[in-house]
Amino acid sequence: MSPHSGSFAIETLQARNRHVLALAFAGWLALAAVAAYHCLAPRASAALPPAEQGDPQPLNFDACSVFSAADAAQVIGVPVRPVTNVGGCSYEAAKETSGGWRRNVAVNVSKYKSAAEENSAWGDLKVLRHLEPGRKNLTVVNGVGSEAYLQISPDRKSFDGEVWVHKNVSHFRLITVSEQPPAPDVLKTAAQKIAAKLP
């Protein structure tokens, strides 16, 4: 037997032992991770209050049930045709204006299981949309829902008119885009009609 063959056998054995030890160690780590997950996971989710376990999700709601084509025509001042009711209820002018404009109006409604979920969602929305008294182009609207804001903003060659309304278990946004500023009283009246149909 040559001295080299014995050395080769020892190196092969050592390499095989290293592989076995590495596999054993990896298996042990995997078992430890699974055990730690099962021990800690139930405690972690139980420790979270319900509000922190996930944001409230709105219920499915047909916004066209509270905003008809006749309502839309009153807001934009011309006959309308439906555009879509996916994610809200939208209408556009049946005919273009002389300037090539097709005015449009839409309502998006978010309805929740409880007043607590609605209050949480409304609070988040107010922060994201900066709905706060005294902000430029924003007016507090009284007599619509429990809290409402009206905003009319010029945008290059158009005007956006929005009303945000909060009620007990729902909130909604009425928005219109036109080549001329929308009448605040018309938007307020439309918002009152929508709010009266919502819980």
N, C-alpha and C. Protein backbone atom coordinates (compact mmCIF):
# COMPACT_ATOMS: atom_id res chain seq x y z
N MET A 1 0.84 -1.16 0.00
CA MET A 1 0.00 0.00 0.00
C MET A 1 0.89 1.22 0.00
N SER A 2 0.60 2.12 -0.90
CA SER A 2 1.45 3.30 -1.01
C SER A 2 1.06 4.30 0.05
N PRO A 3 1.99 5.14 0.48
CA PRO A 3 1.68 6.13 1.52
C PRO A 3 0.62 7.11 1.05
N HIS A 4 0.54 7.30 -0.29
CA HIS A 4 -0.45 8.28 -0.80
C HIS A 4 -1.86 7.75 -0.69
N SER A 5 -2.06 6.43 -0.86
CA SER A 5 -3.42 5.89 -0.82
C SER A 5 -4.01 5.99 0.58
N GLY A 6 -3.22 5.81 1.62
CA GLY A 6 -3.70 5.93 3.00
C GLY A 6 -4.10 7.36 3.30
N SER A 7 -3.32 8.30 2.83
CA SER A 7 -3.61 9.71 3.04
C SER A 7 -4.90 10.10 2.34
N PHE A 8 -5.08 9.53 1.14
CA PHE A 8 -6.30 9.83 0.37
C PHE A 8 -7.53 9.31 1.11
N ALA A 9 -7.44 8.11 1.70
CA ALA A 9 -8.57 7.51 2.42
C ALA A 9 -8.93 8.36 3.63
N ILE A 10 -7.96 8.87 4.35
CA ILE A 10 -8.21 9.69 5.54
C ILE A 10 -8.87 11.01 5.12
N GLU A 11 -8.36 11.65 4.05
CA GLU A 11 -8.95 12.91 3.59
C GLU A 11 -10.38 12.71 3.12
N THR A 12 -10.66 11.60 2.45
CA THR A 12 -12.01 11.30 1.98
C THR A 12 -12.94 11.12 3.17
N LEU A 13 -12.47 10.39 4.18
CA LEU A 13 -13.27 10.17 5.38
C LEU A 13 -13.54 11.47 6.11
N GLN A 14 -12.53 12.32 6.21
CA GLN A 14 -12.72 13.62 6.88
C GLN A 14 -13.71 14.50 6.10
N ALA A 15 -13.62 14.50 4.77
CA ALA A 15 -14.54 15.29 3.95
C ALA A 15 -15.96 14.79 4.12
N ARG A 16 -16.13 13.45 4.14
CA ARG A 16 -17.46 12.87 4.30
C ARG A 16 -18.02 13.23 5.68
N ASN A 17 -17.19 13.20 6.71
CA ASN A 17 -17.63 13.55 8.06
C ASN A 17 -18.07 15.02 8.14
N ARG A 18 -17.32 15.89 7.43
CA ARG A 18 -17.69 17.33 7.43
C ARG A 18 -19.06 17.52 6.80
N HIS A 19 -19.35 16.78 5.69
CA HIS A 19 -20.65 16.89 5.03
C HIS A 19 -21.77 16.39 5.94
N VAL A 20 -21.52 15.27 6.62
CA VAL A 20 -22.53 14.71 7.52
C VAL A 20 -22.80 15.68 8.67
N LEU A 21 -21.73 16.25 9.22
CA LEU A 21 -21.90 17.21 10.32
C LEU A 21 -22.64 18.47 9.85
N ALA A 22 -22.32 18.94 8.65
CA ALA A 22 -22.99 20.14 8.12
C ALA A 22 -24.47 19.86 7.91
N LEU A 23 -24.80 18.68 7.34
CA LEU A 23 -26.21 18.34 7.15
C LEU A 23 -26.94 18.18 8.48
N ALA A 24 -26.29 17.57 9.44
CA ALA A 24 -26.90 17.38 10.76
C ALA A 24 -27.15 18.75 11.41
N PHE A 25 -26.18 19.64 11.32
CA PHE A 25 -26.32 20.97 11.91
C PHE A 25 -27.45 21.75 11.22
N ALA A 26 -27.56 21.67 9.87
CA ALA A 26 -28.62 22.36 9.13
C ALA A 26 -29.99 21.80 9.53
N GLY A 27 -30.08 20.49 9.70
CA GLY A 27 -31.34 19.87 10.13
C GLY A 27 -31.72 20.33 11.52
N TRP A 28 -30.76 20.40 12.41
CA TRP A 28 -31.02 20.85 13.77
C TRP A 28 -31.51 22.30 13.77
N LEU A 29 -30.89 23.17 12.95
CA LEU A 29 -31.32 24.56 12.86
C LEU A 29 -32.76 24.67 12.36
N ALA A 30 -33.11 23.86 11.37
CA ALA A 30 -34.46 23.88 10.82
C ALA A 30 -35.47 23.46 11.88
N LEU A 31 -35.17 22.40 12.63
CA LEU A 31 -36.07 21.95 13.70
C LEU A 31 -36.20 23.01 14.78
N ALA A 32 -35.10 23.65 15.13
CA ALA A 32 -35.15 24.70 16.16
C ALA A 32 -35.99 25.88 15.69
N ALA A 33 -35.88 26.25 14.42
CA ALA A 33 -36.66 27.37 13.89
C ALA A 33 -38.15 27.04 13.90
N VAL A 34 -38.51 25.81 13.51
CA VAL A 34 -39.92 25.41 13.50
C VAL A 34 -40.47 25.40 14.92
N ALA A 35 -39.70 24.87 15.85
CA ALA A 35 -40.14 24.82 17.24
C ALA A 35 -40.31 26.23 17.80
N ALA A 36 -39.38 27.11 17.52
CA ALA A 36 -39.48 28.49 18.01
C ALA A 36 -40.70 29.18 17.42
N TYR A 37 -40.96 28.97 16.15
CA TYR A 37 -42.13 29.58 15.49
C TYR A 37 -43.42 29.13 16.17
N HIS A 38 -43.56 27.80 16.40
CA HIS A 38 -44.78 27.28 17.00
C HIS A 38 -44.95 27.73 18.44
N CYS A 39 -43.86 27.92 19.15
CA CYS A 39 -43.96 28.37 20.53
C CYS A 39 -44.31 29.85 20.62
N LEU A 40 -43.75 30.66 19.73
CA LEU A 40 -43.91 32.10 19.83
C LEU A 40 -45.06 32.67 19.02
N ALA A 41 -45.43 32.06 17.92
CA ALA A 41 -46.45 32.63 17.02
C ALA A 41 -47.79 32.85 17.71
N PRO A 42 -48.35 31.89 18.42
CA PRO A 42 -49.65 32.14 19.04
C PRO A 42 -49.61 33.27 20.05
N ARG A 43 -48.53 33.36 20.81
CA ARG A 43 -48.41 34.43 21.80
C ARG A 43 -48.33 35.79 21.13
N ALA A 44 -47.58 35.89 20.01
CA ALA A 44 -47.41 37.17 19.33
C ALA A 44 -48.74 37.67 18.78
N SER A 45 -49.54 36.81 18.14
CA SER A 45 -50.80 37.27 17.57
C SER A 45 -51.82 37.55 18.67
N ALA A 46 -51.76 36.80 19.78
CA ALA A 46 -52.70 37.03 20.87
C ALA A 46 -52.40 38.34 21.58
N ALA A 47 -51.14 38.78 21.55
CA ALA A 47 -50.76 40.00 22.24
C ALA A 47 -51.21 41.25 21.50
N LEU A 48 -51.45 41.13 20.18
CA LEU A 48 -51.86 42.30 19.41
C LEU A 48 -53.33 42.60 19.63
N PRO A 49 -53.69 43.86 19.87
CA PRO A 49 -55.11 44.21 19.95
C PRO A 49 -55.73 44.06 18.57
N PRO A 50 -57.05 43.84 18.49
CA PRO A 50 -57.71 43.60 17.20
C PRO A 50 -57.42 44.66 16.15
N ALA A 51 -57.32 45.93 16.52
CA ALA A 51 -57.09 46.99 15.53
C ALA A 51 -55.73 46.85 14.86
N GLU A 52 -54.74 46.27 15.57
CA GLU A 52 -53.41 46.17 15.01
C GLU A 52 -53.21 44.88 14.20
N GLN A 53 -54.19 43.99 14.21
CA GLN A 53 -54.05 42.75 13.47
C GLN A 53 -54.35 42.94 11.99
N GLY A 54 -54.81 44.12 11.59
CA GLY A 54 -55.09 44.39 10.18
C GLY A 54 -56.01 45.59 10.06
N ASP A 55 -55.84 46.34 9.00
CA ASP A 55 -56.70 47.49 8.77
C ASP A 55 -58.10 47.01 8.43
N PRO A 56 -59.13 47.78 8.86
CA PRO A 56 -60.49 47.39 8.51
C PRO A 56 -60.69 47.44 7.00
N GLN A 57 -61.40 46.48 6.48
CA GLN A 57 -61.67 46.40 5.05
C GLN A 57 -63.13 46.74 4.78
N PRO A 58 -63.39 47.60 3.76
CA PRO A 58 -64.78 47.94 3.47
C PRO A 58 -65.54 46.75 2.89
N LEU A 59 -66.85 46.77 3.11
CA LEU A 59 -67.73 45.74 2.56
C LEU A 59 -68.02 46.05 1.10
N ASN A 60 -68.43 45.06 0.34
CA ASN A 60 -68.86 45.29 -1.04
C ASN A 60 -70.12 46.14 -1.00
N PHE A 61 -70.15 47.16 -1.82
CA PHE A 61 -71.30 48.06 -1.83
C PHE A 61 -71.47 48.64 -3.23
N ASP A 62 -72.70 48.65 -3.73
CA ASP A 62 -73.01 49.20 -5.05
C ASP A 62 -73.29 50.69 -4.91
N ALA A 63 -72.32 51.52 -5.25
CA ALA A 63 -72.46 52.97 -5.10
C ALA A 63 -73.55 53.53 -6.01
N CYS A 64 -73.86 52.84 -7.11
CA CYS A 64 -74.92 53.32 -8.01
C CYS A 64 -76.30 53.20 -7.37
N SER A 65 -76.40 52.45 -6.27
CA SER A 65 -77.69 52.35 -5.56
C SER A 65 -78.01 53.64 -4.80
N VAL A 66 -77.01 54.49 -4.60
CA VAL A 66 -77.24 55.76 -3.90
C VAL A 66 -76.96 56.97 -4.79
N PHE A 67 -76.56 56.73 -6.06
CA PHE A 67 -76.23 57.83 -6.97
C PHE A 67 -76.65 57.44 -8.38
N SER A 68 -77.80 57.98 -8.82
CA SER A 68 -78.37 57.61 -10.12
C SER A 68 -77.88 58.54 -11.23
N ALA A 69 -78.23 58.19 -12.45
CA ALA A 69 -77.90 59.04 -13.59
C ALA A 69 -78.57 60.40 -13.46
N ALA A 70 -79.80 60.42 -12.93
CA ALA A 70 -80.50 61.70 -12.72
C ALA A 70 -79.74 62.58 -11.72
N ASP A 71 -79.22 61.95 -10.65
CA ASP A 71 -78.42 62.70 -9.66
C ASP A 71 -77.17 63.26 -10.32
N ALA A 72 -76.51 62.44 -11.14
CA ALA A 72 -75.28 62.86 -11.81
C ALA A 72 -75.55 64.02 -12.77
N ALA A 73 -76.67 63.95 -13.50
CA ALA A 73 -77.02 65.02 -14.44
C ALA A 73 -77.24 66.35 -13.71
N GLN A 74 -77.80 66.29 -12.50
CA GLN A 74 -77.99 67.51 -11.71
C GLN A 74 -76.66 68.12 -11.30
N VAL A 75 -75.69 67.26 -10.99
CA VAL A 75 -74.38 67.76 -10.56
C VAL A 75 -73.64 68.43 -11.71
N ILE A 76 -73.60 67.80 -12.89
CA ILE A 76 -72.80 68.38 -13.98
C ILE A 76 -73.60 69.23 -14.95
N GLY A 77 -74.93 69.25 -14.77
CA GLY A 77 -75.75 70.17 -15.54
C GLY A 77 -76.08 69.78 -16.96
N VAL A 78 -75.79 68.56 -17.36
CA VAL A 78 -76.10 68.07 -18.71
C VAL A 78 -76.49 66.60 -18.62
N PRO A 79 -77.18 66.05 -19.63
CA PRO A 79 -77.49 64.62 -19.63
C PRO A 79 -76.20 63.79 -19.58
N VAL A 80 -76.31 62.62 -18.92
CA VAL A 80 -75.12 61.78 -18.71
C VAL A 80 -75.33 60.38 -19.23
N ARG A 81 -74.22 59.64 -19.30
CA ARG A 81 -74.26 58.20 -19.59
C ARG A 81 -73.34 57.54 -18.57
N PRO A 82 -73.66 56.30 -18.17
CA PRO A 82 -72.79 55.61 -17.20
C PRO A 82 -71.44 55.27 -17.81
N VAL A 83 -70.42 55.34 -16.99
CA VAL A 83 -69.08 54.96 -17.43
C VAL A 83 -68.74 53.60 -16.84
N THR A 84 -68.85 53.48 -15.52
CA THR A 84 -68.55 52.21 -14.85
C THR A 84 -69.11 52.24 -13.44
N ASN A 85 -69.30 51.06 -12.87
CA ASN A 85 -69.66 50.98 -11.45
C ASN A 85 -68.66 50.10 -10.71
N VAL A 86 -67.49 49.90 -11.29
CA VAL A 86 -66.44 49.12 -10.66
C VAL A 86 -65.69 50.02 -9.68
N GLY A 87 -65.77 49.70 -8.40
CA GLY A 87 -65.08 50.50 -7.38
C GLY A 87 -65.77 51.81 -7.08
N GLY A 88 -66.93 52.03 -7.62
CA GLY A 88 -67.66 53.27 -7.41
C GLY A 88 -68.74 53.38 -8.46
N CYS A 89 -69.24 54.58 -8.67
CA CYS A 89 -70.29 54.81 -9.65
C CYS A 89 -69.92 56.06 -10.43
N SER A 90 -69.68 55.94 -11.74
CA SER A 90 -69.20 57.06 -12.54
C SER A 90 -70.11 57.34 -13.73
N TYR A 91 -70.23 58.62 -14.05
CA TYR A 91 -71.00 59.07 -15.21
C TYR A 91 -70.20 60.14 -15.93
N GLU A 92 -70.45 60.27 -17.24
CA GLU A 92 -69.86 61.35 -18.00
C GLU A 92 -70.93 62.00 -18.86
N ALA A 93 -70.67 63.23 -19.31
CA ALA A 93 -71.63 63.93 -20.16
C ALA A 93 -71.89 63.10 -21.41
N ALA A 94 -73.16 63.04 -21.81
CA ALA A 94 -73.52 62.27 -22.99
C ALA A 94 -72.91 62.87 -24.26
N LYS A 95 -72.74 64.18 -24.26
CA LYS A 95 -72.15 64.87 -25.41
C LYS A 95 -71.01 65.75 -24.95
N GLU A 96 -70.06 65.95 -25.84
CA GLU A 96 -68.95 66.85 -25.54
C GLU A 96 -69.44 68.29 -25.59
N THR A 97 -68.79 69.15 -24.82
CA THR A 97 -69.10 70.57 -24.88
C THR A 97 -68.42 71.15 -26.13
N SER A 98 -68.68 72.43 -26.40
CA SER A 98 -68.09 73.06 -27.59
C SER A 98 -66.57 73.05 -27.55
N GLY A 99 -66.00 73.02 -26.34
CA GLY A 99 -64.54 72.99 -26.21
C GLY A 99 -63.97 71.59 -26.23
N GLY A 100 -64.81 70.59 -26.52
CA GLY A 100 -64.31 69.22 -26.57
C GLY A 100 -64.31 68.52 -25.22
N TRP A 101 -64.89 69.15 -24.21
CA TRP A 101 -64.93 68.59 -22.86
C TRP A 101 -66.05 67.58 -22.71
N ARG A 102 -65.80 66.59 -21.90
CA ARG A 102 -66.84 65.66 -21.48
C ARG A 102 -66.80 65.65 -19.96
N ARG A 103 -67.64 66.45 -19.34
CA ARG A 103 -67.68 66.54 -17.88
C ARG A 103 -67.96 65.16 -17.28
N ASN A 104 -67.45 64.94 -16.08
CA ASN A 104 -67.73 63.66 -15.42
C ASN A 104 -67.90 63.83 -13.92
N VAL A 105 -68.54 62.84 -13.34
CA VAL A 105 -68.82 62.84 -11.90
C VAL A 105 -68.81 61.40 -11.41
N ALA A 106 -68.36 61.20 -10.17
CA ALA A 106 -68.27 59.85 -9.62
C ALA A 106 -68.50 59.88 -8.11
N VAL A 107 -68.96 58.75 -7.61
CA VAL A 107 -69.12 58.56 -6.17
C VAL A 107 -68.44 57.25 -5.79
N ASN A 108 -67.62 57.30 -4.76
CA ASN A 108 -66.98 56.11 -4.19
C ASN A 108 -67.47 56.00 -2.75
N VAL A 109 -68.00 54.84 -2.38
CA VAL A 109 -68.54 54.62 -1.05
C VAL A 109 -67.74 53.53 -0.35
N SER A 110 -67.37 53.78 0.89
CA SER A 110 -66.72 52.77 1.73
C SER A 110 -67.61 52.52 2.93
N LYS A 111 -68.15 51.31 3.01
CA LYS A 111 -69.06 50.94 4.10
C LYS A 111 -68.39 49.83 4.92
N TYR A 112 -68.51 49.91 6.26
CA TYR A 112 -67.82 48.98 7.15
C TYR A 112 -68.81 48.22 8.04
N LYS A 113 -68.31 47.17 8.70
CA LYS A 113 -69.15 46.34 9.57
C LYS A 113 -69.62 47.10 10.80
N SER A 114 -68.77 48.00 11.31
CA SER A 114 -69.10 48.68 12.57
C SER A 114 -68.65 50.13 12.53
N ALA A 115 -69.18 50.90 13.47
CA ALA A 115 -68.79 52.31 13.59
C ALA A 115 -67.31 52.43 13.98
N ALA A 116 -66.82 51.47 14.78
CA ALA A 116 -65.41 51.51 15.19
C ALA A 116 -64.50 51.36 13.97
N GLU A 117 -64.84 50.42 13.06
CA GLU A 117 -64.03 50.24 11.85
C GLU A 117 -64.10 51.48 10.96
N GLU A 118 -65.30 52.05 10.82
CA GLU A 118 -65.45 53.25 10.01
C GLU A 118 -64.65 54.41 10.60
N ASN A 119 -64.72 54.59 11.91
CA ASN A 119 -63.98 55.68 12.54
C ASN A 119 -62.48 55.54 12.32
N SER A 120 -61.99 54.30 12.38
CA SER A 120 -60.58 54.04 12.14
C SER A 120 -60.20 54.40 10.69
N ALA A 121 -61.02 53.93 9.74
CA ALA A 121 -60.75 54.20 8.32
C ALA A 121 -60.86 55.69 8.02
N TRP A 122 -61.87 56.36 8.58
CA TRP A 122 -62.06 57.79 8.37
C TRP A 122 -60.88 58.59 8.94
N GLY A 123 -60.42 58.19 10.12
CA GLY A 123 -59.27 58.87 10.72
C GLY A 123 -58.04 58.78 9.84
N ASP A 124 -57.79 57.58 9.28
CA ASP A 124 -56.65 57.40 8.37
C ASP A 124 -56.81 58.26 7.12
N LEU A 125 -58.03 58.27 6.58
CA LEU A 125 -58.31 59.04 5.37
C LEU A 125 -58.08 60.53 5.59
N LYS A 126 -58.53 61.03 6.74
CA LYS A 126 -58.35 62.46 7.04
C LYS A 126 -56.88 62.85 7.06
N VAL A 127 -56.06 61.96 7.61
CA VAL A 127 -54.62 62.23 7.65
C VAL A 127 -54.04 62.20 6.24
N LEU A 128 -54.38 61.17 5.46
CA LEU A 128 -53.84 61.04 4.10
C LEU A 128 -54.28 62.17 3.18
N ARG A 129 -55.53 62.61 3.30
CA ARG A 129 -56.07 63.64 2.42
C ARG A 129 -55.94 65.05 3.00
N HIS A 130 -55.37 65.16 4.19
CA HIS A 130 -55.19 66.45 4.86
C HIS A 130 -56.53 67.18 5.01
N LEU A 131 -57.55 66.46 5.45
CA LEU A 131 -58.86 67.05 5.67
C LEU A 131 -58.86 67.70 7.05
N GLU A 132 -58.55 68.97 7.07
CA GLU A 132 -58.47 69.71 8.33
C GLU A 132 -58.95 71.14 8.11
N PRO A 133 -59.77 71.64 9.01
CA PRO A 133 -60.28 73.01 8.87
C PRO A 133 -59.14 74.01 8.72
N GLY A 134 -59.37 75.00 7.86
CA GLY A 134 -58.37 76.05 7.65
C GLY A 134 -57.43 75.80 6.49
N ARG A 135 -57.45 74.61 5.93
CA ARG A 135 -56.58 74.32 4.80
C ARG A 135 -57.07 75.04 3.55
N LYS A 136 -56.17 75.48 2.70
CA LYS A 136 -56.51 76.20 1.48
C LYS A 136 -57.43 75.38 0.59
N ASN A 137 -58.44 76.04 0.02
CA ASN A 137 -59.42 75.44 -0.89
C ASN A 137 -60.31 74.39 -0.22
N LEU A 138 -60.30 74.30 1.10
CA LEU A 138 -61.10 73.30 1.80
C LEU A 138 -62.09 74.00 2.72
N THR A 139 -63.35 73.58 2.67
CA THR A 139 -64.41 74.18 3.48
C THR A 139 -65.10 73.09 4.28
N VAL A 140 -65.34 73.35 5.56
CA VAL A 140 -66.13 72.43 6.37
C VAL A 140 -67.59 72.60 5.96
N VAL A 141 -68.27 71.48 5.73
CA VAL A 141 -69.68 71.51 5.31
C VAL A 141 -70.54 71.01 6.46
N ASN A 142 -71.47 71.84 6.90
CA ASN A 142 -72.38 71.46 7.98
C ASN A 142 -73.67 70.89 7.39
N GLY A 143 -74.31 70.01 8.15
CA GLY A 143 -75.59 69.47 7.73
C GLY A 143 -75.51 68.28 6.79
N VAL A 144 -74.32 67.74 6.58
CA VAL A 144 -74.15 66.56 5.72
C VAL A 144 -73.37 65.52 6.52
N GLY A 145 -74.03 64.39 6.84
CA GLY A 145 -73.36 63.36 7.62
C GLY A 145 -72.95 63.88 8.99
N SER A 146 -71.99 63.20 9.61
CA SER A 146 -71.50 63.68 10.91
C SER A 146 -70.27 64.57 10.75
N GLU A 147 -69.64 64.51 9.57
CA GLU A 147 -68.48 65.37 9.28
C GLU A 147 -68.32 65.40 7.76
N ALA A 148 -68.11 66.60 7.21
CA ALA A 148 -67.98 66.69 5.75
C ALA A 148 -67.08 67.85 5.36
N TYR A 149 -66.41 67.69 4.22
CA TYR A 149 -65.49 68.70 3.69
C TYR A 149 -65.74 68.88 2.20
N LEU A 150 -65.64 70.11 1.73
CA LEU A 150 -65.79 70.45 0.32
C LEU A 150 -64.49 71.08 -0.16
N GLN A 151 -64.03 70.64 -1.31
CA GLN A 151 -62.79 71.18 -1.87
C GLN A 151 -62.99 71.42 -3.35
N ILE A 152 -62.70 72.65 -3.80
CA ILE A 152 -62.73 72.97 -5.23
C ILE A 152 -61.33 73.43 -5.60
N SER A 153 -60.73 72.72 -6.55
CA SER A 153 -59.35 73.01 -6.91
C SER A 153 -59.20 73.21 -8.41
N PRO A 154 -58.57 74.33 -8.80
CA PRO A 154 -58.26 74.50 -10.22
C PRO A 154 -57.08 73.59 -10.58
N ASP A 155 -57.14 72.98 -11.77
CA ASP A 155 -56.08 72.09 -12.21
C ASP A 155 -55.82 72.36 -13.70
N ARG A 156 -54.91 73.27 -13.99
CA ARG A 156 -54.61 73.71 -15.35
C ARG A 156 -55.86 74.24 -16.03
N LYS A 157 -56.46 73.45 -16.94
CA LYS A 157 -57.63 73.93 -17.68
C LYS A 157 -58.92 73.30 -17.18
N SER A 158 -58.90 72.74 -15.97
CA SER A 158 -60.10 72.11 -15.43
C SER A 158 -60.27 72.46 -13.96
N PHE A 159 -61.40 72.04 -13.41
CA PHE A 159 -61.69 72.25 -11.99
C PHE A 159 -62.16 70.93 -11.41
N ASP A 160 -61.62 70.59 -10.25
CA ASP A 160 -62.04 69.40 -9.51
C ASP A 160 -62.87 69.86 -8.32
N GLY A 161 -64.05 69.32 -8.18
CA GLY A 161 -64.87 69.58 -7.00
C GLY A 161 -65.08 68.28 -6.26
N GLU A 162 -64.76 68.27 -4.96
CA GLU A 162 -64.87 67.05 -4.16
C GLU A 162 -65.62 67.34 -2.87
N VAL A 163 -66.45 66.39 -2.46
CA VAL A 163 -67.07 66.43 -1.14
C VAL A 163 -66.76 65.09 -0.48
N TRP A 164 -66.16 65.15 0.71
CA TRP A 164 -65.89 63.96 1.52
C TRP A 164 -66.86 63.97 2.69
N VAL A 165 -67.58 62.86 2.89
CA VAL A 165 -68.60 62.81 3.95
C VAL A 165 -68.41 61.55 4.79
N HIS A 166 -68.49 61.75 6.12
CA HIS A 166 -68.37 60.66 7.10
C HIS A 166 -69.73 60.46 7.77
N LYS A 167 -70.16 59.19 7.87
CA LYS A 167 -71.38 58.87 8.61
C LYS A 167 -71.06 57.79 9.63
N ASN A 168 -72.08 57.14 10.15
CA ASN A 168 -71.92 56.15 11.21
C ASN A 168 -71.04 54.97 10.82
N VAL A 169 -71.39 54.25 9.76
CA VAL A 169 -70.60 53.08 9.36
C VAL A 169 -70.10 53.20 7.92
N SER A 170 -70.09 54.41 7.38
CA SER A 170 -69.64 54.59 6.00
C SER A 170 -69.10 55.99 5.77
N HIS A 171 -68.32 56.13 4.71
CA HIS A 171 -67.92 57.45 4.23
C HIS A 171 -67.89 57.39 2.70
N PHE A 172 -68.00 58.55 2.09
CA PHE A 172 -67.98 58.56 0.63
C PHE A 172 -67.32 59.83 0.11
N ARG A 173 -66.94 59.75 -1.16
CA ARG A 173 -66.38 60.89 -1.88
C ARG A 173 -67.20 61.10 -3.13
N LEU A 174 -67.69 62.31 -3.30
CA LEU A 174 -68.36 62.74 -4.52
C LEU A 174 -67.36 63.66 -5.23
N ILE A 175 -67.02 63.35 -6.48
CA ILE A 175 -66.05 64.16 -7.21
C ILE A 175 -66.56 64.46 -8.61
N THR A 176 -66.34 65.69 -9.04
CA THR A 176 -66.70 66.08 -10.40
C THR A 176 -65.53 66.83 -11.02
N VAL A 177 -65.33 66.62 -12.32
CA VAL A 177 -64.28 67.31 -13.06
C VAL A 177 -64.95 67.97 -14.26
N SER A 178 -64.67 69.28 -14.41
CA SER A 178 -65.33 70.05 -15.46
C SER A 178 -64.40 71.15 -15.94
N GLU A 179 -64.80 71.78 -17.05
CA GLU A 179 -64.02 72.90 -17.57
C GLU A 179 -64.36 74.20 -16.85
N GLN A 180 -65.36 74.16 -15.98
CA GLN A 180 -65.74 75.35 -15.22
C GLN A 180 -65.89 74.97 -13.74
N PRO A 181 -65.76 75.95 -12.84
CA PRO A 181 -65.86 75.61 -11.41
C PRO A 181 -67.26 75.08 -11.07
N PRO A 182 -67.36 73.99 -10.32
CA PRO A 182 -68.66 73.48 -9.92
C PRO A 182 -69.29 74.37 -8.85
N ALA A 183 -70.61 74.41 -8.82
CA ALA A 183 -71.31 75.21 -7.81
C ALA A 183 -71.29 74.48 -6.48
N PRO A 184 -70.76 75.09 -5.43
CA PRO A 184 -70.70 74.42 -4.12
C PRO A 184 -72.07 73.96 -3.62
N ASP A 185 -73.12 74.77 -3.84
CA ASP A 185 -74.45 74.39 -3.37
C ASP A 185 -74.96 73.13 -4.06
N VAL A 186 -74.64 72.97 -5.35
CA VAL A 186 -75.06 71.78 -6.09
C VAL A 186 -74.36 70.54 -5.54
N LEU A 187 -73.06 70.66 -5.26
CA LEU A 187 -72.32 69.54 -4.68
C LEU A 187 -72.85 69.19 -3.29
N LYS A 188 -73.13 70.21 -2.50
CA LYS A 188 -73.63 69.97 -1.15
C LYS A 188 -74.99 69.27 -1.20
N THR A 189 -75.87 69.72 -2.08
CA THR A 189 -77.19 69.10 -2.21
C THR A 189 -77.08 67.64 -2.64
N ALA A 190 -76.21 67.37 -3.60
CA ALA A 190 -76.00 65.99 -4.05
C ALA A 190 -75.45 65.13 -2.91
N ALA A 191 -74.51 65.67 -2.15
CA ALA A 191 -73.93 64.93 -1.03
C ALA A 191 -74.98 64.65 0.04
N GLN A 192 -75.88 65.60 0.29
CA GLN A 192 -76.95 65.37 1.27
C GLN A 192 -77.86 64.22 0.84
N LYS A 193 -78.18 64.16 -0.45
CA LYS A 193 -79.05 63.09 -0.97
C LYS A 193 -78.38 61.73 -0.83
N ILE A 194 -77.07 61.68 -1.11
CA ILE A 194 -76.32 60.42 -0.98
C ILE A 194 -76.26 60.01 0.49
N ALA A 195 -75.93 60.96 1.36
CA ALA A 195 -75.79 60.66 2.79
C ALA A 195 -77.10 60.16 3.37
N ALA A 196 -78.21 60.68 2.91
CA ALA A 196 -79.52 60.25 3.43
C ALA A 196 -79.81 58.79 3.10
N LYS A 197 -79.18 58.24 2.08
CA LYS A 197 -79.41 56.85 1.68
C LYS A 197 -78.44 55.87 2.32
N LEU A 198 -77.46 56.40 3.07
CA LEU A 198 -76.44 55.55 3.69
C LEU A 198 -76.65 55.44 5.18
N PRO A 199 -76.30 54.28 5.77
CA PRO A 199 -76.44 54.12 7.23
C PRO A 199 -75.42 54.96 7.99
